[in-house]
Amino acid sequence: MEPLTHNEEQLMQVFWSLEKGFVRDILNELPEPKPPYTTLASNIKQLEKKGYLDHKTYGNIHEYFPIISQEQYRSKSFNSLLKNYFDGSIKNVLSFMVKEKGVSEKEIEELKKLIEENENKDMP
């Protein structure tokens, strides 16, 4: 799966939200300033070429739909981020979040509870 540009990610967010759509449908969902129709059509074709979208044809009109789920993309993107920016360490991610993003005490407690719950699942 090829990585997406920022603009391609924005388009995929629209597709994941709508589940399917024609170029005009996608254009209507984009914020201002909207790209020209032909530019958007080219970007959608690129997403199809990269393996993120497929289409059904009705005459000479294409209705596009995602073939990669948002969850699949999220997992791949996070794993890439983890490997490339945090040396594959969840501890480094959490440390970054605490230092840079001001994780609250409540969120830390929720994370501890989540970890404990997952540890208990692994025990016989």
C-alpha atoms as a PDB file:
ATOM      1  CA  MET A   1       0.000   0.000   0.000  1.00  0.00           C
ATOM      2  CA  GLU A   2       1.588   3.248  -1.141  1.00  0.00           C
ATOM      3  CA  PRO A   3       1.574   6.158   1.315  1.00  0.00           C
ATOM      4  CA  LEU A   4      -0.934   8.939   0.769  1.00  0.00           C
ATOM      5  CA  THR A   5      -0.292  12.636   0.426  1.00  0.00           C
ATOM      6  CA  HIS A   6      -2.156  15.021   2.715  1.00  0.00           C
ATOM      7  CA  ASN A   7      -4.665  15.811  -0.075  1.00  0.00           C
ATOM      8  CA  GLU A   8      -5.192  12.122  -0.798  1.00  0.00           C
ATOM      9  CA  GLU A   9      -5.830  11.452   2.893  1.00  0.00           C
ATOM     10  CA  GLN A  10      -8.417  14.240   2.871  1.00  0.00           C
ATOM     11  CA  LEU A  11     -10.168  12.595  -0.096  1.00  0.00           C
ATOM     12  CA  MET A  12     -10.089   9.199   1.577  1.00  0.00           C
ATOM     13  CA  GLN A  13     -11.684  10.706   4.693  1.00  0.00           C
ATOM     14  CA  VAL A  14     -14.575  11.809   2.483  1.00  0.00           C
ATOM     15  CA  PHE A  15     -14.845   8.376   0.855  1.00  0.00           C
ATOM     16  CA  TRP A  16     -14.791   6.623   4.229  1.00  0.00           C
ATOM     17  CA  SER A  17     -17.515   8.958   5.428  1.00  0.00           C
ATOM     18  CA  LEU A  18     -19.739   8.605   2.344  1.00  0.00           C
ATOM     19  CA  GLU A  19     -18.777   4.962   1.620  1.00  0.00           C
ATOM     20  CA  LYS A  20     -19.149   5.615  -2.131  1.00  0.00           C
ATOM     21  CA  GLY A  21     -19.586   8.526  -4.483  1.00  0.00           C
ATOM     22  CA  PHE A  22     -19.230  10.123  -7.848  1.00  0.00           C
ATOM     23  CA  VAL A  23     -16.609  12.829  -8.416  1.00  0.00           C
ATOM     24  CA  ARG A  24     -19.307  15.505  -7.990  1.00  0.00           C
ATOM     25  CA  ASP A  25     -20.355  14.008  -4.619  1.00  0.00           C
ATOM     26  CA  ILE A  26     -16.782  14.171  -3.359  1.00  0.00           C
ATOM     27  CA  LEU A  27     -16.348  17.715  -4.661  1.00  0.00           C
ATOM     28  CA  ASN A  28     -19.457  18.810  -2.770  1.00  0.00           C
ATOM     29  CA  GLU A  29     -18.007  17.477   0.508  1.00  0.00           C
ATOM     30  CA  LEU A  30     -14.633  19.220   0.231  1.00  0.00           C
ATOM     31  CA  PRO A  31     -13.997  22.506   2.035  1.00  0.00           C
ATOM     32  CA  GLU A  32     -13.337  25.758   0.227  1.00  0.00           C
ATOM     33  CA  PRO A  33     -11.335  26.437  -1.817  1.00  0.00           C
ATOM     34  CA  LYS A  34     -12.509  23.440  -3.816  1.00  0.00           C
ATOM     35  CA  PRO A  35     -10.172  22.007  -6.442  1.00  0.00           C
ATOM     36  CA  PRO A  36     -11.222  22.071 -10.095  1.00  0.00           C
ATOM     37  CA  TYR A  37     -13.372  19.090 -11.084  1.00  0.00           C
ATOM     38  CA  THR A  38     -10.700  17.750 -13.460  1.00  0.00           C
ATOM     39  CA  THR A  39      -7.995  17.951 -10.784  1.00  0.00           C
ATOM     40  CA  LEU A  40     -10.209  16.092  -8.339  1.00  0.00           C
ATOM     41  CA  ALA A  41     -11.003  13.437 -10.955  1.00  0.00           C
ATOM     42  CA  SER A  42      -7.256  12.962 -11.540  1.00  0.00           C
ATOM     43  CA  ASN A  43      -6.615  12.668  -7.796  1.00  0.00           C
ATOM     44  CA  ILE A  44      -9.349  10.065  -7.480  1.00  0.00           C
ATOM     45  CA  LYS A  45      -7.870   8.096 -10.390  1.00  0.00           C
ATOM     46  CA  GLN A  46      -4.503   8.225  -8.580  1.00  0.00           C
ATOM     47  CA  LEU A  47      -6.123   6.799  -5.436  1.00  0.00           C
ATOM     48  CA  GLU A  48      -7.552   4.018  -7.556  1.00  0.00           C
ATOM     49  CA  LYS A  49      -4.129   3.368  -9.108  1.00  0.00           C
ATOM     50  CA  LYS A  50      -2.575   3.217  -5.619  1.00  0.00           C
ATOM     51  CA  GLY A  51      -5.129   0.562  -4.629  1.00  0.00           C
ATOM     52  CA  TYR A  52      -7.303   2.569  -2.233  1.00  0.00           C
ATOM     53  CA  LEU A  53     -10.400   2.893  -4.431  1.00  0.00           C
ATOM     54  CA  ASP A  54     -12.277   0.913  -7.039  1.00  0.00           C
ATOM     55  CA  HIS A  55     -15.281   1.871  -9.123  1.00  0.00           C
ATOM     56  CA  LYS A  56     -18.521   0.728 -10.707  1.00  0.00           C
ATOM     57  CA  THR A  57     -19.335   2.076 -14.141  1.00  0.00           C
ATOM     58  CA  TYR A  58     -22.766   3.360 -15.119  1.00  0.00           C
ATOM     59  CA  GLY A  59     -22.552   4.256 -18.798  1.00  0.00           C
ATOM     60  CA  ASN A  60     -19.598   6.627 -18.879  1.00  0.00           C
ATOM     61  CA  ILE A  61     -19.835   7.678 -15.225  1.00  0.00           C
ATOM     62  CA  HIS A  62     -17.809   6.067 -12.429  1.00  0.00           C
ATOM     63  CA  GLU A  63     -18.997   5.619  -8.864  1.00  0.00           C
ATOM     64  CA  TYR A  64     -15.959   5.163  -6.615  1.00  0.00           C
ATOM     65  CA  PHE A  65     -15.745   3.305  -3.325  1.00  0.00           C
ATOM     66  CA  PRO A  66     -12.917   2.534  -0.875  1.00  0.00           C
ATOM     67  CA  ILE A  67     -11.362  -0.919  -0.911  1.00  0.00           C
ATOM     68  CA  ILE A  68      -9.066  -0.122   2.029  1.00  0.00           C
ATOM     69  CA  SER A  69     -10.906   0.520   5.275  1.00  0.00           C
ATOM     70  CA  GLN A  70     -10.108   3.448   7.503  1.00  0.00           C
ATOM     71  CA  GLU A  71      -9.068   0.960  10.195  1.00  0.00           C
ATOM     72  CA  GLN A  72      -6.614  -0.777   7.835  1.00  0.00           C
ATOM     73  CA  TYR A  73      -5.111   2.560   6.837  1.00  0.00           C
ATOM     74  CA  ARG A  74      -4.936   3.759  10.445  1.00  0.00           C
ATOM     75  CA  SER A  75      -3.149   0.581  11.520  1.00  0.00           C
ATOM     76  CA  LYS A  76      -0.613   0.752   8.693  1.00  0.00           C
ATOM     77  CA  SER A  77       0.000   4.474   9.227  1.00  0.00           C
ATOM     78  CA  PHE A  78       0.439   4.097  12.966  1.00  0.00           C
ATOM     79  CA  ASN A  79       2.797   1.151  12.578  1.00  0.00           C
ATOM     80  CA  SER A  80       4.867   3.174  10.113  1.00  0.00           C
ATOM     81  CA  LEU A  81       4.891   6.173  12.477  1.00  0.00           C
ATOM     82  CA  LEU A  82       5.856   3.934  15.395  1.00  0.00           C
ATOM     83  CA  LYS A  83       8.714   2.346  13.456  1.00  0.00           C
ATOM     84  CA  ASN A  84      10.061   5.486  11.759  1.00  0.00           C
ATOM     85  CA  TYR A  85       9.692   8.099  14.493  1.00  0.00           C
ATOM     86  CA  PHE A  86       9.575   6.245  17.808  1.00  0.00           C
ATOM     87  CA  ASP A  87      12.066   3.399  17.248  1.00  0.00           C
ATOM     88  CA  GLY A  88       9.194   0.912  17.403  1.00  0.00           C
ATOM     89  CA  SER A  89       8.602   1.711  21.078  1.00  0.00           C
ATOM     90  CA  ILE A  90       5.156   2.302  22.543  1.00  0.00           C
ATOM     91  CA  LYS A  91       6.927   3.725  25.594  1.00  0.00           C
ATOM     92  CA  ASN A  92       8.463   6.406  23.354  1.00  0.00           C
ATOM     93  CA  VAL A  93       5.016   7.216  21.927  1.00  0.00           C
ATOM     94  CA  LEU A  94       3.469   7.543  25.370  1.00  0.00           C
ATOM     95  CA  SER A  95       6.404   9.599  26.618  1.00  0.00           C
ATOM     96  CA  PHE A  96       5.988  11.933  23.661  1.00  0.00           C
ATOM     97  CA  MET A  97       2.254  12.244  24.307  1.00  0.00           C
ATOM     98  CA  VAL A  98       2.784  13.052  27.962  1.00  0.00           C
ATOM     99  CA  LYS A  99       5.507  15.632  27.286  1.00  0.00           C
ATOM    100  CA  GLU A 100       4.207  17.238  24.104  1.00  0.00           C
ATOM    101  CA  LYS A 101       0.461  16.856  24.224  1.00  0.00           C
ATOM    102  CA  GLY A 102      -0.217  17.257  27.921  1.00  0.00           C
ATOM    103  CA  VAL A 103      -1.948  13.963  28.625  1.00  0.00           C
ATOM    104  CA  SER A 104      -4.174  14.488  31.640  1.00  0.00           C
ATOM    105  CA  GLU A 105      -4.096  12.483  34.870  1.00  0.00           C
ATOM    106  CA  LYS A 106      -7.522  11.102  33.960  1.00  0.00           C
ATOM    107  CA  GLU A 107      -6.237   9.897  30.586  1.00  0.00           C
ATOM    108  CA  ILE A 108      -3.189   8.313  32.245  1.00  0.00           C
ATOM    109  CA  GLU A 109      -5.461   6.462  34.663  1.00  0.00           C
ATOM    110  CA  GLU A 110      -7.638   5.298  31.756  1.00  0.00           C
ATOM    111  CA  LEU A 111      -4.519   4.049  29.947  1.00  0.00           C
ATOM    112  CA  LYS A 112      -3.387   2.169  33.060  1.00  0.00           C
ATOM    113  CA  LYS A 113      -6.808   0.560  33.325  1.00  0.00           C
ATOM    114  CA  LEU A 114      -6.708  -0.418  29.644  1.00  0.00           C
ATOM    115  CA  ILE A 115      -3.257  -1.982  30.082  1.00  0.00           C
ATOM    116  CA  GLU A 116      -4.421  -3.916  33.152  1.00  0.00           C
ATOM    117  CA  GLU A 117      -7.502  -5.173  31.313  1.00  0.00           C
ATOM    118  CA  ASN A 118      -5.373  -6.379  28.405  1.00  0.00           C
ATOM    119  CA  GLU A 119      -2.883  -8.051  30.770  1.00  0.00           C
ATOM    120  CA  ASN A 120      -5.771  -9.902  32.438  1.00  0.00           C
ATOM    121  CA  LYS A 121      -6.987 -11.160  29.038  1.00  0.00           C
ATOM    122  CA  ASP A 122      -3.617 -12.831  28.437  1.00  0.00           C
ATOM    123  CA  MET A 123      -3.710 -14.728  31.731  1.00  0.00           C
ATOM    124  CA  PRO A 124      -5.333 -18.212  31.768  1.00  0.00           C
END
